[in-house]
Protein backbone atom coordinates (compact mmCIF):
# COMPACT_ATOMS: atom_id res chain seq x y z
CA MET A 1 99.04 82.82 99.82
CA SER A 2 100.50 80.73 102.09
CA LEU A 3 100.17 81.18 106.37
CA ARG A 4 103.54 80.84 106.85
CA SER A 5 106.42 83.37 105.35
CA ASN A 6 108.88 81.88 103.09
CA ASP A 7 111.91 83.00 101.34
CA ARG A 8 110.52 85.32 98.95
CA GLN A 9 107.39 87.04 101.08
CA TRP A 10 105.55 87.32 104.10
CA GLY A 11 102.87 84.80 105.07
CA SER A 12 99.51 85.72 105.82
CA VAL A 13 99.63 85.44 109.89
CA ALA A 14 102.63 88.24 109.30
CA LYS A 15 100.84 90.24 107.38
CA PHE A 16 97.89 90.04 109.59
CA PHE A 17 99.46 90.89 112.43
CA HIS A 18 101.34 93.89 110.64
CA TRP A 19 98.41 95.50 109.39
CA THR A 20 96.04 94.99 112.26
CA MET A 21 98.64 96.39 114.69
CA ALA A 22 99.16 99.23 112.28
CA LEU A 23 95.61 100.16 111.75
CA LEU A 24 95.14 99.88 115.77
CA ILE A 25 98.20 101.95 116.61
CA ILE A 26 97.64 104.71 114.01
CA GLY A 27 93.76 104.65 114.83
CA ASN A 28 94.55 105.04 118.78
CA GLY A 29 96.88 107.70 118.15
CA ILE A 30 94.52 109.93 116.39
CA PHE A 31 91.89 108.76 118.87
CA GLY A 32 94.18 109.84 121.91
CA LEU A 33 94.82 112.94 120.14
CA CYS A 34 90.93 113.53 119.75
CA MET A 35 89.71 112.91 123.28
CA ASP A 36 89.79 116.50 124.41
CA LEU A 37 87.09 116.87 121.85
CA ALA A 38 84.52 114.86 123.95
CA SER A 39 81.19 116.69 124.18
CA ASN A 40 81.09 116.06 128.08
CA PRO A 41 83.17 114.73 130.85
CA MET A 42 81.14 111.08 130.65
CA GLN A 43 82.08 110.76 126.86
CA LYS A 44 85.60 111.69 127.69
CA ILE A 45 85.79 108.82 130.30
CA ASN A 46 84.16 106.27 128.03
CA TRP A 47 86.75 107.39 125.18
CA LEU A 48 89.66 107.08 127.55
CA ALA A 49 88.32 103.83 128.46
CA LEU A 50 88.27 102.47 124.80
CA HIS A 51 91.71 104.17 124.22
CA LYS A 52 93.22 102.37 127.12
CA SER A 53 91.48 99.00 125.87
CA ILE A 54 93.06 99.17 122.42
CA GLY A 55 96.24 99.86 123.53
CA LEU A 56 96.00 96.95 125.91
CA THR A 57 95.12 94.91 122.44
CA VAL A 58 98.16 96.41 120.49
CA LEU A 59 100.22 94.96 123.58
CA ALA A 60 98.56 91.64 123.71
CA LEU A 61 98.62 91.13 119.67
CA PHE A 62 102.51 92.38 120.01
CA LEU A 63 103.09 89.08 122.19
CA LEU A 64 101.46 87.15 119.74
CA ARG A 65 103.33 88.62 116.74
CA LEU A 66 106.69 88.12 118.61
CA LEU A 67 105.74 84.51 119.24
CA TRP A 68 104.69 84.02 116.05
CA ARG A 69 107.78 85.61 114.47
CA LEU A 70 110.03 83.72 116.58
CA SER A 71 108.70 80.36 115.09
CA GLU A 72 108.98 81.24 111.52
CA ARG A 73 111.55 82.46 108.76
CA ARG A 74 111.64 85.81 107.09
CA PRO A 75 112.21 86.41 103.72
CA VAL A 76 115.37 87.29 102.12
CA GLU A 77 116.15 91.01 101.98
CA ASP A 78 116.23 92.73 98.63
CA PRO A 79 120.11 93.78 97.97
CA ALA A 80 120.48 97.46 99.48
CA PRO A 81 123.64 99.21 100.73
CA ARG A 82 124.98 97.93 104.10
CA TRP A 83 123.97 101.39 106.16
CA GLN A 84 120.43 101.14 104.75
CA GLN A 85 119.95 97.77 105.71
CA ARG A 86 121.08 98.77 109.39
CA ALA A 87 119.07 101.64 109.51
CA ALA A 88 115.98 99.24 108.75
CA HIS A 89 116.75 96.97 111.33
CA ALA A 90 117.38 99.98 113.54
CA VAL A 91 113.84 101.60 112.90
CA HIS A 92 112.40 98.21 113.50
CA GLY A 93 113.96 97.60 116.74
CA VAL A 94 112.89 101.06 117.89
CA LEU A 95 109.47 100.45 116.49
CA TYR A 96 108.88 97.35 118.55
CA LEU A 97 110.24 98.80 121.80
CA LEU A 98 107.67 101.63 121.46
CA ILE A 99 105.05 99.18 120.49
CA VAL A 100 105.40 97.63 124.03
CA ALA A 101 106.64 100.87 125.86
CA LEU A 102 103.50 103.15 124.69
CA PRO A 103 101.06 100.87 126.49
CA LEU A 104 103.12 100.03 129.31
CA THR A 105 103.38 103.70 129.95
CA GLY A 106 99.74 104.40 129.41
CA TRP A 107 99.23 101.35 132.08
CA TRP A 108 101.92 103.05 134.31
CA LEU A 109 99.83 106.44 133.84
CA ASN A 110 96.88 105.05 134.88
CA SER A 111 98.20 103.11 137.71
CA VAL A 112 99.82 106.33 139.17
CA ALA A 113 96.50 108.22 138.51
CA GLY A 114 94.84 105.86 141.14
CA LYS A 115 92.37 104.67 138.43
CA PRO A 116 90.97 101.29 137.55
CA LEU A 117 92.04 99.85 134.56
CA GLN A 118 89.30 97.77 132.58
CA PHE A 119 89.72 95.62 129.35
CA PHE A 120 86.41 96.55 127.26
CA LYS A 121 84.26 96.69 130.46
CA GLN A 122 85.13 93.01 130.69
CA PHE A 123 87.86 92.57 133.79
CA ASN A 124 90.07 94.90 135.60
CA LEU A 125 93.89 94.73 135.34
CA PRO A 126 95.85 95.09 138.19
CA ALA A 127 98.00 98.24 138.83
CA ILE A 128 101.63 98.09 137.99
CA ALA A 129 102.63 100.73 140.20
CA ALA A 130 100.92 102.31 143.46
CA ALA A 131 98.95 105.74 143.29
CA ASN A 132 101.22 108.45 143.15
CA HIS A 133 99.47 111.80 142.21
CA ASP A 134 102.97 113.66 142.26
CA LEU A 135 104.20 111.25 139.06
CA LYS A 136 101.13 111.87 136.90
CA GLU A 137 102.40 114.63 135.03
CA THR A 138 105.73 112.74 134.57
CA ALA A 139 103.85 109.64 133.62
CA GLU A 140 101.76 111.62 130.81
CA GLY A 141 104.75 113.50 129.54
CA VAL A 142 106.58 110.31 129.04
CA HIS A 143 103.47 108.70 127.37
CA GLU A 144 103.05 111.41 125.26
CA PHE A 145 106.83 111.75 124.19
CA LEU A 146 106.89 108.15 123.24
CA PHE A 147 103.57 108.95 121.30
CA TRP A 148 105.57 111.50 118.91
CA PHE A 149 108.73 109.64 118.85
CA LEU A 150 106.75 106.60 117.51
CA VAL A 151 105.17 108.93 115.03
CA ALA A 152 108.55 110.05 113.77
CA MET A 153 109.79 106.18 113.55
CA LEU A 154 106.69 105.36 111.34
CA VAL A 155 107.49 108.17 108.95
CA LEU A 156 110.87 106.80 108.75
CA HIS A 157 109.14 102.92 108.28
CA VAL A 158 106.82 104.31 105.72
CA GLY A 159 109.18 106.60 104.00
CA GLY A 160 111.55 103.69 103.71
CA ALA A 161 108.99 101.37 102.11
CA LEU A 162 107.90 104.05 99.48
CA LYS A 163 111.51 104.52 98.71
CA HIS A 164 111.95 100.93 98.06
CA HIS A 165 108.81 100.78 96.10
CA LEU A 166 109.13 103.81 94.13
CA ILE A 167 112.84 104.58 93.71
CA ASP A 168 114.53 100.98 94.10
CA ARG A 169 111.58 99.21 92.52
CA ASP A 170 112.04 96.11 94.75
CA ASN A 171 109.81 93.95 96.53
CA THR A 172 110.29 95.08 99.91
CA LEU A 173 106.85 96.70 100.22
CA LEU A 174 104.97 94.16 97.82
CA ARG A 175 106.28 91.45 100.34
CA MET A 176 104.10 92.83 103.29
CA LEU A 177 101.33 94.01 101.13
CA PRO A 178 98.09 91.72 101.06
CA PHE A 179 97.11 90.52 97.79
CA ARG A 180 100.01 91.76 95.80
CA ARG A 181 102.06 90.08 93.37
CA LEU A 182 105.82 90.06 93.56
CA ARG A 183 107.84 91.71 90.88
CA ASN A 184 109.97 89.15 88.84
CA ALA A 185 113.19 90.48 89.77
CA SER A 186 114.83 92.91 91.84
CA PRO A 187 117.41 95.33 90.41
CA SER A 188 120.95 94.33 91.26
CA GLN A 189 122.83 96.31 93.58
CA GLY A 190 125.23 97.81 91.06
CA GLU A 191 121.98 99.51 89.19
CA ARG A 192 121.28 101.59 92.34
């Protein structure tokens, strides 16, 4: 498997970024929902610190992924109706925006709460807003709204990939799966 993408499929680096970020985002979302289950306040503080560090990791990986993506080609899309292609591009665009917005709103929430932001207990990051406890609830609401919006976009993204794989029987999903062979030929547009 090639490191770089080609006309037929995504390369190893693109797949690494996609699946690593997917696991971190889904895991951190579940982790964020479960933080209230902490058995004591100190455990909750530790879990929250880990949640923040994972969110910052996602942001850093996204920036690296974007730099990589700008330097390489993308596989040719399998034939699909124009509205499906536009919908897929829109969902991807919104996902990219949310992947940036969620960690940034978490950082903003942390800043207005007046709390230090450590990256895996290694170093502190600066606040991106002044402490303002009146804004804390608003920041929490925005962060939570964006999380649920991300969940909705992920459902569309995964649903679209499964539709391509199970109904259209094309290579859209297979091109991103690690260690999978592509199907020989995609169905033509007229067969759909």
